[in-house]
Amino acid sequence: MVEVRAEDKFAFIKDPDLKKIIGNSVKYIYIIHNRSKRYKKKLYLEETYRVIVLYVVSVIESILLYFYKKRGEKIKYPEYKLVHILPNEYQHKEKNGRKIVIAIQEEIEKREHQIGLHELVHFFKDTRLMPKNMADEILEINEVRNTFHFNKRREDTKLDLERVEQALRLLADIIEKVPKIF
């Protein structure tokens, strides 16, 4: 297993509170991973693996958000203003029966709390700051994390030691490479 020494690896984060939170989270990930090796109960291992993946994705998201903010660039989305619905006699030949509208489209900056991991990964991939293979790996492990909601079927997602160690390798890779990329 690849291990990350938190105190050595986060010098690139200048915000002391964020550095401490991320460092403590990474330490916790490795502590519960090492402890999980002593247990054989399926439920304990499954839940421990879920916590590890959840923390790994959260740390990755925090690091990417840190660099996003540091770069000062903005993710935008289209917002439609002054929307006017045309009378019903105006119809689109392929979408008959649907309302046709005229509006002004403005590009609005997303606020920090509106930006998720998926958008961050695509932003850095699209700006060619993140290699495609790294982006794909992050999105793949994020898909695993997204199955953790209690109302989603867990049986469809294989979460075993191999998948957890893949997530840990990805985290170590990101901690090592991302500060050099950005």
N, C-alpha and C. Protein backbone atom coordinates (compact mmCIF):
# COMPACT_ATOMS: atom_id res chain seq x y z
N MET A 1 0.83 -1.18 0.00
CA MET A 1 0.00 0.00 0.00
C MET A 1 0.88 1.25 0.00
N VAL A 2 0.45 2.23 -0.74
CA VAL A 2 1.13 3.51 -0.80
C VAL A 2 0.67 4.35 0.38
N GLU A 3 1.60 4.94 1.10
CA GLU A 3 1.21 5.78 2.23
C GLU A 3 1.67 7.20 1.99
N VAL A 4 0.87 8.12 2.44
CA VAL A 4 1.16 9.54 2.31
C VAL A 4 1.47 10.08 3.70
N ARG A 5 2.58 10.73 3.86
CA ARG A 5 2.92 11.38 5.13
C ARG A 5 2.37 12.81 5.06
N ALA A 6 1.29 13.02 5.78
CA ALA A 6 0.54 14.29 5.67
C ALA A 6 1.40 15.50 5.99
N GLU A 7 2.21 15.41 7.02
CA GLU A 7 2.97 16.59 7.43
C GLU A 7 4.00 17.02 6.38
N ASP A 8 4.43 16.09 5.53
CA ASP A 8 5.44 16.39 4.51
C ASP A 8 4.83 16.82 3.19
N LYS A 9 3.62 16.44 2.94
CA LYS A 9 3.08 16.52 1.58
C LYS A 9 2.19 17.73 1.30
N PHE A 10 1.85 18.52 2.28
CA PHE A 10 0.88 19.59 2.05
C PHE A 10 1.47 20.99 2.18
N ALA A 11 2.76 21.12 1.97
CA ALA A 11 3.41 22.43 2.03
C ALA A 11 2.85 23.38 0.98
N PHE A 12 2.30 22.84 -0.09
CA PHE A 12 1.74 23.67 -1.17
C PHE A 12 0.46 24.39 -0.76
N ILE A 13 -0.18 23.95 0.31
CA ILE A 13 -1.41 24.59 0.79
C ILE A 13 -1.01 25.66 1.79
N LYS A 14 -1.29 26.89 1.46
CA LYS A 14 -0.89 28.02 2.31
C LYS A 14 -1.92 28.35 3.39
N ASP A 15 -3.14 27.89 3.24
CA ASP A 15 -4.19 28.11 4.24
C ASP A 15 -3.96 27.11 5.38
N PRO A 16 -3.56 27.59 6.57
CA PRO A 16 -3.21 26.66 7.65
C PRO A 16 -4.39 25.80 8.13
N ASP A 17 -5.60 26.35 8.12
CA ASP A 17 -6.75 25.57 8.56
C ASP A 17 -7.05 24.44 7.58
N LEU A 18 -7.02 24.77 6.28
CA LEU A 18 -7.27 23.75 5.27
C LEU A 18 -6.17 22.68 5.30
N LYS A 19 -4.93 23.11 5.44
CA LYS A 19 -3.80 22.17 5.51
C LYS A 19 -3.99 21.19 6.67
N LYS A 20 -4.42 21.71 7.81
CA LYS A 20 -4.62 20.86 8.98
C LYS A 20 -5.77 19.87 8.75
N ILE A 21 -6.87 20.36 8.20
CA ILE A 21 -8.03 19.49 7.94
C ILE A 21 -7.66 18.38 6.97
N ILE A 22 -7.01 18.75 5.88
CA ILE A 22 -6.62 17.74 4.88
C ILE A 22 -5.61 16.78 5.48
N GLY A 23 -4.60 17.31 6.19
CA GLY A 23 -3.59 16.45 6.81
C GLY A 23 -4.20 15.46 7.79
N ASN A 24 -5.09 15.95 8.64
CA ASN A 24 -5.76 15.06 9.60
C ASN A 24 -6.63 14.02 8.89
N SER A 25 -7.29 14.43 7.83
CA SER A 25 -8.14 13.50 7.08
C SER A 25 -7.31 12.40 6.45
N VAL A 26 -6.18 12.76 5.87
CA VAL A 26 -5.31 11.76 5.25
C VAL A 26 -4.76 10.81 6.32
N LYS A 27 -4.35 11.34 7.46
CA LYS A 27 -3.88 10.47 8.55
C LYS A 27 -4.98 9.50 8.96
N TYR A 28 -6.20 10.01 9.09
CA TYR A 28 -7.32 9.17 9.49
C TYR A 28 -7.58 8.06 8.46
N ILE A 29 -7.50 8.41 7.19
CA ILE A 29 -7.70 7.42 6.12
C ILE A 29 -6.74 6.26 6.31
N TYR A 30 -5.48 6.57 6.51
CA TYR A 30 -4.48 5.51 6.63
C TYR A 30 -4.59 4.75 7.94
N ILE A 31 -5.01 5.40 9.01
CA ILE A 31 -5.21 4.70 10.28
C ILE A 31 -6.32 3.67 10.14
N ILE A 32 -7.48 4.07 9.59
CA ILE A 32 -8.58 3.09 9.49
C ILE A 32 -8.28 2.03 8.44
N HIS A 33 -7.53 2.38 7.41
CA HIS A 33 -7.14 1.36 6.43
C HIS A 33 -6.25 0.31 7.08
N ASN A 34 -5.27 0.75 7.85
CA ASN A 34 -4.38 -0.21 8.51
C ASN A 34 -5.12 -1.05 9.54
N ARG A 35 -6.04 -0.45 10.27
CA ARG A 35 -6.82 -1.20 11.26
C ARG A 35 -7.76 -2.20 10.58
N SER A 36 -8.25 -1.86 9.41
CA SER A 36 -9.20 -2.76 8.74
C SER A 36 -8.55 -4.08 8.35
N LYS A 37 -7.25 -4.10 8.24
CA LYS A 37 -6.54 -5.34 7.87
C LYS A 37 -6.64 -6.40 8.95
N ARG A 38 -6.97 -6.00 10.18
CA ARG A 38 -7.07 -6.95 11.29
C ARG A 38 -8.45 -7.60 11.40
N TYR A 39 -9.41 -7.07 10.66
CA TYR A 39 -10.79 -7.54 10.79
C TYR A 39 -11.20 -8.33 9.55
N LYS A 40 -12.04 -9.29 9.77
CA LYS A 40 -12.52 -10.14 8.67
C LYS A 40 -14.03 -10.03 8.46
N LYS A 41 -14.73 -9.34 9.36
CA LYS A 41 -16.18 -9.25 9.24
C LYS A 41 -16.53 -8.40 8.02
N LYS A 42 -17.39 -8.96 7.19
CA LYS A 42 -17.75 -8.32 5.93
C LYS A 42 -18.36 -6.94 6.12
N LEU A 43 -19.30 -6.79 7.04
CA LEU A 43 -19.96 -5.51 7.26
C LEU A 43 -18.95 -4.45 7.71
N TYR A 44 -18.06 -4.81 8.63
CA TYR A 44 -17.06 -3.86 9.09
C TYR A 44 -16.18 -3.41 7.93
N LEU A 45 -15.71 -4.35 7.14
CA LEU A 45 -14.83 -4.01 6.02
C LEU A 45 -15.55 -3.15 4.99
N GLU A 46 -16.78 -3.52 4.63
CA GLU A 46 -17.53 -2.73 3.65
C GLU A 46 -17.71 -1.29 4.10
N GLU A 47 -18.10 -1.11 5.34
CA GLU A 47 -18.34 0.24 5.84
C GLU A 47 -17.04 1.02 5.99
N THR A 48 -15.99 0.36 6.41
CA THR A 48 -14.68 1.02 6.51
C THR A 48 -14.20 1.44 5.13
N TYR A 49 -14.38 0.58 4.15
CA TYR A 49 -13.98 0.91 2.78
C TYR A 49 -14.78 2.10 2.25
N ARG A 50 -16.04 2.15 2.59
CA ARG A 50 -16.88 3.28 2.17
C ARG A 50 -16.37 4.60 2.79
N VAL A 51 -16.03 4.55 4.05
CA VAL A 51 -15.51 5.74 4.72
C VAL A 51 -14.19 6.18 4.07
N ILE A 52 -13.34 5.23 3.77
CA ILE A 52 -12.05 5.56 3.13
C ILE A 52 -12.29 6.23 1.79
N VAL A 53 -13.13 5.66 0.97
CA VAL A 53 -13.40 6.24 -0.35
C VAL A 53 -14.05 7.61 -0.20
N LEU A 54 -14.96 7.76 0.72
CA LEU A 54 -15.60 9.05 0.96
C LEU A 54 -14.55 10.11 1.32
N TYR A 55 -13.65 9.76 2.21
CA TYR A 55 -12.59 10.70 2.61
C TYR A 55 -11.62 10.97 1.46
N VAL A 56 -11.25 9.94 0.72
CA VAL A 56 -10.33 10.14 -0.41
C VAL A 56 -10.93 11.14 -1.39
N VAL A 57 -12.18 10.95 -1.76
CA VAL A 57 -12.82 11.85 -2.71
C VAL A 57 -12.94 13.26 -2.12
N SER A 58 -13.24 13.37 -0.84
CA SER A 58 -13.34 14.68 -0.20
C SER A 58 -11.99 15.41 -0.19
N VAL A 59 -10.92 14.69 0.06
CA VAL A 59 -9.58 15.31 0.05
C VAL A 59 -9.23 15.76 -1.36
N ILE A 60 -9.49 14.91 -2.34
CA ILE A 60 -9.21 15.27 -3.74
C ILE A 60 -10.00 16.52 -4.12
N GLU A 61 -11.27 16.55 -3.77
CA GLU A 61 -12.11 17.70 -4.09
C GLU A 61 -11.57 18.96 -3.41
N SER A 62 -11.13 18.85 -2.17
CA SER A 62 -10.59 20.00 -1.44
C SER A 62 -9.33 20.54 -2.10
N ILE A 63 -8.47 19.64 -2.52
CA ILE A 63 -7.22 20.06 -3.18
C ILE A 63 -7.53 20.75 -4.51
N LEU A 64 -8.42 20.17 -5.29
CA LEU A 64 -8.76 20.78 -6.58
C LEU A 64 -9.44 22.13 -6.38
N LEU A 65 -10.33 22.22 -5.40
CA LEU A 65 -11.00 23.49 -5.14
C LEU A 65 -9.99 24.55 -4.67
N TYR A 66 -9.02 24.14 -3.88
CA TYR A 66 -7.97 25.06 -3.43
C TYR A 66 -7.24 25.66 -4.64
N PHE A 67 -6.84 24.81 -5.57
CA PHE A 67 -6.12 25.32 -6.75
C PHE A 67 -7.03 26.11 -7.68
N TYR A 68 -8.27 25.72 -7.75
CA TYR A 68 -9.24 26.49 -8.55
C TYR A 68 -9.32 27.92 -8.03
N LYS A 69 -9.50 28.06 -6.73
CA LYS A 69 -9.59 29.39 -6.12
C LYS A 69 -8.26 30.15 -6.26
N LYS A 70 -7.17 29.45 -6.09
CA LYS A 70 -5.85 30.08 -6.18
C LYS A 70 -5.60 30.64 -7.58
N ARG A 71 -6.08 29.94 -8.60
CA ARG A 71 -5.88 30.39 -9.98
C ARG A 71 -6.75 31.61 -10.31
N GLY A 72 -7.83 31.79 -9.61
CA GLY A 72 -8.68 32.96 -9.83
C GLY A 72 -9.57 32.86 -11.05
N GLU A 73 -9.60 31.72 -11.70
CA GLU A 73 -10.50 31.56 -12.85
C GLU A 73 -11.90 31.24 -12.33
N LYS A 74 -12.87 31.32 -13.22
CA LYS A 74 -14.25 31.12 -12.80
C LYS A 74 -14.98 30.13 -13.71
N ILE A 75 -15.72 29.25 -13.09
CA ILE A 75 -16.62 28.36 -13.82
C ILE A 75 -17.93 29.12 -13.96
N LYS A 76 -18.46 29.12 -15.15
CA LYS A 76 -19.69 29.87 -15.41
C LYS A 76 -20.78 28.93 -15.92
N TYR A 77 -21.99 29.41 -15.81
CA TYR A 77 -23.13 28.66 -16.35
C TYR A 77 -24.08 29.67 -17.01
N PRO A 78 -24.85 29.20 -17.98
CA PRO A 78 -25.78 30.12 -18.64
C PRO A 78 -27.03 30.34 -17.78
N GLU A 79 -27.43 31.57 -17.69
CA GLU A 79 -28.69 31.90 -17.01
C GLU A 79 -29.53 32.70 -17.99
N TYR A 80 -30.80 32.40 -18.04
CA TYR A 80 -31.69 33.04 -18.99
C TYR A 80 -32.55 34.08 -18.29
N LYS A 81 -32.50 35.30 -18.82
CA LYS A 81 -33.22 36.42 -18.21
C LYS A 81 -34.16 37.03 -19.24
N LEU A 82 -35.13 37.76 -18.74
CA LEU A 82 -36.13 38.42 -19.58
C LEU A 82 -36.77 37.40 -20.54
N VAL A 83 -37.16 36.28 -19.98
CA VAL A 83 -37.76 35.21 -20.76
C VAL A 83 -39.15 35.64 -21.23
N HIS A 84 -39.39 35.42 -22.52
CA HIS A 84 -40.68 35.75 -23.11
C HIS A 84 -41.19 34.52 -23.86
N ILE A 85 -42.39 34.07 -23.51
CA ILE A 85 -42.99 32.91 -24.17
C ILE A 85 -43.76 33.39 -25.39
N LEU A 86 -43.46 32.77 -26.53
CA LEU A 86 -44.15 33.13 -27.77
C LEU A 86 -45.55 32.51 -27.79
N PRO A 87 -46.46 33.11 -28.55
CA PRO A 87 -47.82 32.55 -28.66
C PRO A 87 -47.78 31.11 -29.20
N ASN A 88 -48.83 30.35 -28.92
CA ASN A 88 -48.89 28.93 -29.28
C ASN A 88 -48.80 28.66 -30.78
N GLU A 89 -49.14 29.64 -31.63
CA GLU A 89 -49.05 29.38 -33.07
C GLU A 89 -47.60 29.21 -33.55
N TYR A 90 -46.64 29.62 -32.73
CA TYR A 90 -45.24 29.37 -33.07
C TYR A 90 -44.86 28.00 -32.53
N GLN A 91 -44.51 27.11 -33.42
CA GLN A 91 -44.17 25.74 -33.04
C GLN A 91 -42.87 25.33 -33.72
N HIS A 92 -42.16 24.46 -33.07
CA HIS A 92 -40.95 23.87 -33.66
C HIS A 92 -41.38 22.57 -34.31
N LYS A 93 -40.90 22.33 -35.53
CA LYS A 93 -41.39 21.16 -36.27
C LYS A 93 -41.03 19.83 -35.60
N GLU A 94 -39.94 19.78 -34.84
CA GLU A 94 -39.54 18.54 -34.18
C GLU A 94 -40.04 18.45 -32.74
N LYS A 95 -40.47 19.55 -32.19
CA LYS A 95 -40.92 19.57 -30.80
C LYS A 95 -42.31 20.20 -30.71
N ASN A 96 -43.21 19.72 -31.52
CA ASN A 96 -44.57 20.26 -31.58
C ASN A 96 -45.25 20.16 -30.21
N GLY A 97 -45.95 21.22 -29.85
CA GLY A 97 -46.68 21.24 -28.59
C GLY A 97 -45.88 21.81 -27.43
N ARG A 98 -44.63 22.08 -27.63
CA ARG A 98 -43.80 22.66 -26.58
C ARG A 98 -43.74 24.17 -26.72
N LYS A 99 -43.58 24.85 -25.64
CA LYS A 99 -43.49 26.31 -25.64
C LYS A 99 -42.17 26.76 -26.27
N ILE A 100 -42.23 27.82 -27.02
CA ILE A 100 -41.04 28.44 -27.58
C ILE A 100 -40.83 29.75 -26.83
N VAL A 101 -39.59 29.98 -26.43
CA VAL A 101 -39.28 31.17 -25.65
C VAL A 101 -38.15 31.96 -26.30
N ILE A 102 -38.13 33.22 -26.00
CA ILE A 102 -37.02 34.09 -26.37
C ILE A 102 -36.49 34.63 -25.06
N ALA A 103 -35.16 34.62 -24.91
CA ALA A 103 -34.57 35.08 -23.66
C ALA A 103 -33.19 35.65 -23.91
N ILE A 104 -32.71 36.34 -22.93
CA ILE A 104 -31.34 36.85 -22.94
C ILE A 104 -30.51 35.86 -22.12
N GLN A 105 -29.42 35.38 -22.72
CA GLN A 105 -28.55 34.44 -22.03
C GLN A 105 -27.35 35.20 -21.48
N GLU A 106 -27.12 35.03 -20.19
CA GLU A 106 -25.96 35.63 -19.54
C GLU A 106 -25.11 34.52 -18.93
N GLU A 107 -23.81 34.73 -18.96
CA GLU A 107 -22.90 33.80 -18.31
C GLU A 107 -22.71 34.28 -16.87
N ILE A 108 -23.05 33.42 -15.93
CA ILE A 108 -23.00 33.76 -14.52
C ILE A 108 -21.90 32.92 -13.86
N GLU A 109 -21.09 33.55 -13.02
CA GLU A 109 -20.06 32.82 -12.29
C GLU A 109 -20.69 31.96 -11.21
N LYS A 110 -20.25 30.72 -11.14
CA LYS A 110 -20.74 29.85 -10.08
C LYS A 110 -20.07 30.24 -8.77
N ARG A 111 -20.85 30.20 -7.72
CA ARG A 111 -20.29 30.44 -6.39
C ARG A 111 -19.58 29.17 -5.94
N GLU A 112 -18.66 29.35 -5.05
CA GLU A 112 -17.84 28.22 -4.59
C GLU A 112 -18.70 27.04 -4.12
N HIS A 113 -19.75 27.30 -3.37
CA HIS A 113 -20.58 26.21 -2.84
C HIS A 113 -21.40 25.51 -3.93
N GLN A 114 -21.45 26.08 -5.14
CA GLN A 114 -22.18 25.47 -6.25
C GLN A 114 -21.30 24.56 -7.10
N ILE A 115 -20.02 24.56 -6.83
CA ILE A 115 -19.07 23.81 -7.66
C ILE A 115 -18.77 22.47 -7.01
N GLY A 116 -19.00 21.42 -7.78
CA GLY A 116 -18.73 20.07 -7.29
C GLY A 116 -17.48 19.48 -7.92
N LEU A 117 -17.15 18.30 -7.48
CA LEU A 117 -15.95 17.62 -7.97
C LEU A 117 -16.00 17.40 -9.47
N HIS A 118 -17.14 16.98 -9.96
CA HIS A 118 -17.29 16.71 -11.39
C HIS A 118 -16.92 17.94 -12.22
N GLU A 119 -17.43 19.09 -11.81
CA GLU A 119 -17.13 20.33 -12.54
C GLU A 119 -15.67 20.72 -12.42
N LEU A 120 -15.08 20.54 -11.25
CA LEU A 120 -13.67 20.86 -11.07
C LEU A 120 -12.79 20.01 -11.97
N VAL A 121 -13.08 18.72 -11.99
CA VAL A 121 -12.28 17.81 -12.82
C VAL A 121 -12.39 18.20 -14.29
N HIS A 122 -13.61 18.45 -14.75
CA HIS A 122 -13.78 18.83 -16.15
C HIS A 122 -13.14 20.19 -16.45
N PHE A 123 -13.20 21.10 -15.51
CA PHE A 123 -12.57 22.41 -15.69
C PHE A 123 -11.07 22.23 -15.90
N PHE A 124 -10.42 21.47 -15.02
CA PHE A 124 -8.97 21.29 -15.13
C PHE A 124 -8.58 20.42 -16.34
N LYS A 125 -9.43 19.48 -16.68
CA LYS A 125 -9.16 18.66 -17.88
C LYS A 125 -9.33 19.51 -19.13
N ASP A 126 -10.40 20.29 -19.19
CA ASP A 126 -10.66 21.13 -20.37
C ASP A 126 -9.61 22.22 -20.56
N THR A 127 -9.04 22.70 -19.47
CA THR A 127 -7.98 23.72 -19.58
C THR A 127 -6.61 23.06 -19.75
N ARG A 128 -6.61 21.75 -19.90
CA ARG A 128 -5.41 20.94 -20.14
C ARG A 128 -4.39 21.02 -18.99
N LEU A 129 -4.88 21.30 -17.81
CA LEU A 129 -4.01 21.31 -16.64
C LEU A 129 -3.95 19.94 -15.98
N MET A 130 -4.96 19.12 -16.25
CA MET A 130 -5.02 17.79 -15.67
C MET A 130 -5.02 16.76 -16.81
N PRO A 131 -4.16 15.76 -16.71
CA PRO A 131 -4.17 14.71 -17.74
C PRO A 131 -5.51 13.96 -17.75
N LYS A 132 -5.91 13.54 -18.93
CA LYS A 132 -7.19 12.85 -19.10
C LYS A 132 -7.28 11.60 -18.23
N ASN A 133 -6.20 10.84 -18.15
CA ASN A 133 -6.25 9.59 -17.37
C ASN A 133 -6.48 9.88 -15.88
N MET A 134 -5.89 10.96 -15.36
CA MET A 134 -6.11 11.33 -13.96
C MET A 134 -7.56 11.77 -13.77
N ALA A 135 -8.06 12.57 -14.69
CA ALA A 135 -9.45 13.02 -14.61
C ALA A 135 -10.40 11.83 -14.63
N ASP A 136 -10.15 10.88 -15.51
CA ASP A 136 -11.00 9.69 -15.60
C ASP A 136 -10.98 8.88 -14.31
N GLU A 137 -9.80 8.74 -13.70
CA GLU A 137 -9.70 7.99 -12.45
C GLU A 137 -10.46 8.69 -11.33
N ILE A 138 -10.35 10.01 -11.26
CA ILE A 138 -11.06 10.75 -10.22
C ILE A 138 -12.57 10.59 -10.41
N LEU A 139 -13.04 10.73 -11.64
CA LEU A 139 -14.47 10.60 -11.90
C LEU A 139 -14.97 9.19 -11.61
N GLU A 140 -14.13 8.20 -11.89
CA GLU A 140 -14.52 6.81 -11.62
C GLU A 140 -14.69 6.57 -10.12
N ILE A 141 -13.73 7.03 -9.32
CA ILE A 141 -13.85 6.82 -7.87
C ILE A 141 -14.98 7.68 -7.30
N ASN A 142 -15.24 8.82 -7.91
CA ASN A 142 -16.37 9.64 -7.48
C ASN A 142 -17.69 8.92 -7.76
N GLU A 143 -17.77 8.19 -8.85
CA GLU A 143 -18.99 7.40 -9.14
C GLU A 143 -19.20 6.35 -8.06
N VAL A 144 -18.12 5.74 -7.59
CA VAL A 144 -18.23 4.78 -6.50
C VAL A 144 -18.77 5.50 -5.26
N ARG A 145 -18.21 6.65 -4.97
CA ARG A 145 -18.65 7.43 -3.80
C ARG A 145 -20.13 7.79 -3.91
N ASN A 146 -20.58 8.08 -5.12
CA ASN A 146 -21.98 8.49 -5.30
C ASN A 146 -22.97 7.37 -5.05
N THR A 147 -22.51 6.15 -4.93
CA THR A 147 -23.41 5.03 -4.63
C THR A 147 -23.63 4.86 -3.13
N PHE A 148 -23.05 5.72 -2.33
CA PHE A 148 -23.13 5.56 -0.88
C PHE A 148 -24.42 6.08 -0.28
N HIS A 149 -25.23 6.75 -1.06
CA HIS A 149 -26.51 7.23 -0.54
C HIS A 149 -27.34 6.02 -0.11
N PHE A 150 -28.01 6.14 0.99
CA PHE A 150 -28.74 5.01 1.53
C PHE A 150 -29.85 4.51 0.63
N ASN A 151 -30.37 5.37 -0.24
CA ASN A 151 -31.47 4.95 -1.09
C ASN A 151 -30.99 4.37 -2.42
N LYS A 152 -29.68 4.21 -2.60
CA LYS A 152 -29.17 3.61 -3.83
C LYS A 152 -28.73 2.18 -3.55
N ARG A 153 -28.84 1.37 -4.57
CA ARG A 153 -28.47 -0.04 -4.41
C ARG A 153 -26.96 -0.18 -4.35
N ARG A 154 -26.48 -0.76 -3.29
CA ARG A 154 -25.04 -0.93 -3.11
C ARG A 154 -24.51 -2.18 -3.81
N GLU A 155 -25.37 -3.11 -4.09
CA GLU A 155 -24.94 -4.37 -4.68
C GLU A 155 -24.31 -4.17 -6.06
N ASP A 156 -24.67 -3.07 -6.71
CA ASP A 156 -24.18 -2.83 -8.07
C ASP A 156 -22.74 -2.33 -8.10
N THR A 157 -22.20 -1.95 -6.95
CA THR A 157 -20.87 -1.38 -6.90
C THR A 157 -19.95 -2.29 -6.10
N LYS A 158 -18.91 -2.73 -6.75
CA LYS A 158 -17.93 -3.58 -6.08
C LYS A 158 -16.97 -2.69 -5.31
N LEU A 159 -16.93 -2.86 -4.01
CA LEU A 159 -16.03 -2.09 -3.17
C LEU A 159 -15.25 -3.08 -2.31
N ASP A 160 -14.04 -3.35 -2.71
CA ASP A 160 -13.20 -4.30 -2.01
C ASP A 160 -11.83 -3.68 -1.75
N LEU A 161 -10.95 -4.44 -1.15
CA LEU A 161 -9.62 -3.94 -0.80
C LEU A 161 -8.88 -3.43 -2.04
N GLU A 162 -9.01 -4.13 -3.14
CA GLU A 162 -8.33 -3.70 -4.37
C GLU A 162 -8.82 -2.31 -4.81
N ARG A 163 -10.11 -2.09 -4.76
CA ARG A 163 -10.67 -0.79 -5.17
C ARG A 163 -10.25 0.31 -4.20
N VAL A 164 -10.20 0.00 -2.91
CA VAL A 164 -9.78 0.97 -1.90
C VAL A 164 -8.32 1.33 -2.11
N GLU A 165 -7.49 0.35 -2.35
CA GLU A 165 -6.06 0.64 -2.57
C GLU A 165 -5.85 1.40 -3.88
N GLN A 166 -6.69 1.18 -4.86
CA GLN A 166 -6.65 1.97 -6.09
C GLN A 166 -6.96 3.44 -5.76
N ALA A 167 -7.95 3.66 -4.91
CA ALA A 167 -8.31 5.03 -4.50
C ALA A 167 -7.17 5.67 -3.71
N LEU A 168 -6.51 4.89 -2.86
CA LEU A 168 -5.39 5.42 -2.08
C LEU A 168 -4.20 5.76 -2.98
N ARG A 169 -3.95 4.94 -3.99
CA ARG A 169 -2.88 5.26 -4.96
C ARG A 169 -3.20 6.54 -5.72
N LEU A 170 -4.46 6.68 -6.10
CA LEU A 170 -4.89 7.90 -6.80
C LEU A 170 -4.68 9.12 -5.90
N LEU A 171 -5.07 9.02 -4.64
CA LEU A 171 -4.87 10.12 -3.71
C LEU A 171 -3.39 10.47 -3.59
N ALA A 172 -2.54 9.47 -3.41
CA ALA A 172 -1.10 9.72 -3.30
C ALA A 172 -0.56 10.36 -4.58
N ASP A 173 -1.05 9.89 -5.72
CA ASP A 173 -0.63 10.45 -7.01
C ASP A 173 -1.04 11.92 -7.13
N ILE A 174 -2.24 12.22 -6.72
CA ILE A 174 -2.73 13.60 -6.80
C ILE A 174 -1.95 14.51 -5.85
N ILE A 175 -1.70 14.04 -4.64
CA ILE A 175 -0.95 14.85 -3.68
C ILE A 175 0.46 15.12 -4.21
N GLU A 176 1.02 14.16 -4.88
CA GLU A 176 2.38 14.33 -5.41
C GLU A 176 2.41 15.20 -6.67
N LYS A 177 1.47 14.96 -7.60
CA LYS A 177 1.55 15.58 -8.93
C LYS A 177 0.79 16.90 -9.08
N VAL A 178 -0.34 17.03 -8.43
CA VAL A 178 -1.19 18.20 -8.65
C VAL A 178 -0.47 19.52 -8.34
N PRO A 179 0.27 19.62 -7.22
CA PRO A 179 0.95 20.89 -6.98
C PRO A 179 1.94 21.26 -8.08
N LYS A 180 2.51 20.29 -8.74
CA LYS A 180 3.45 20.56 -9.85
C LYS A 180 2.71 20.95 -11.12
N ILE A 181 1.51 20.42 -11.30
CA ILE A 181 0.70 20.70 -12.49
C ILE A 181 0.15 22.12 -12.45
N PHE A 182 -0.39 22.50 -11.29
CA PHE A 182 -1.07 23.78 -11.18
C PHE A 182 -0.11 24.85 -10.71
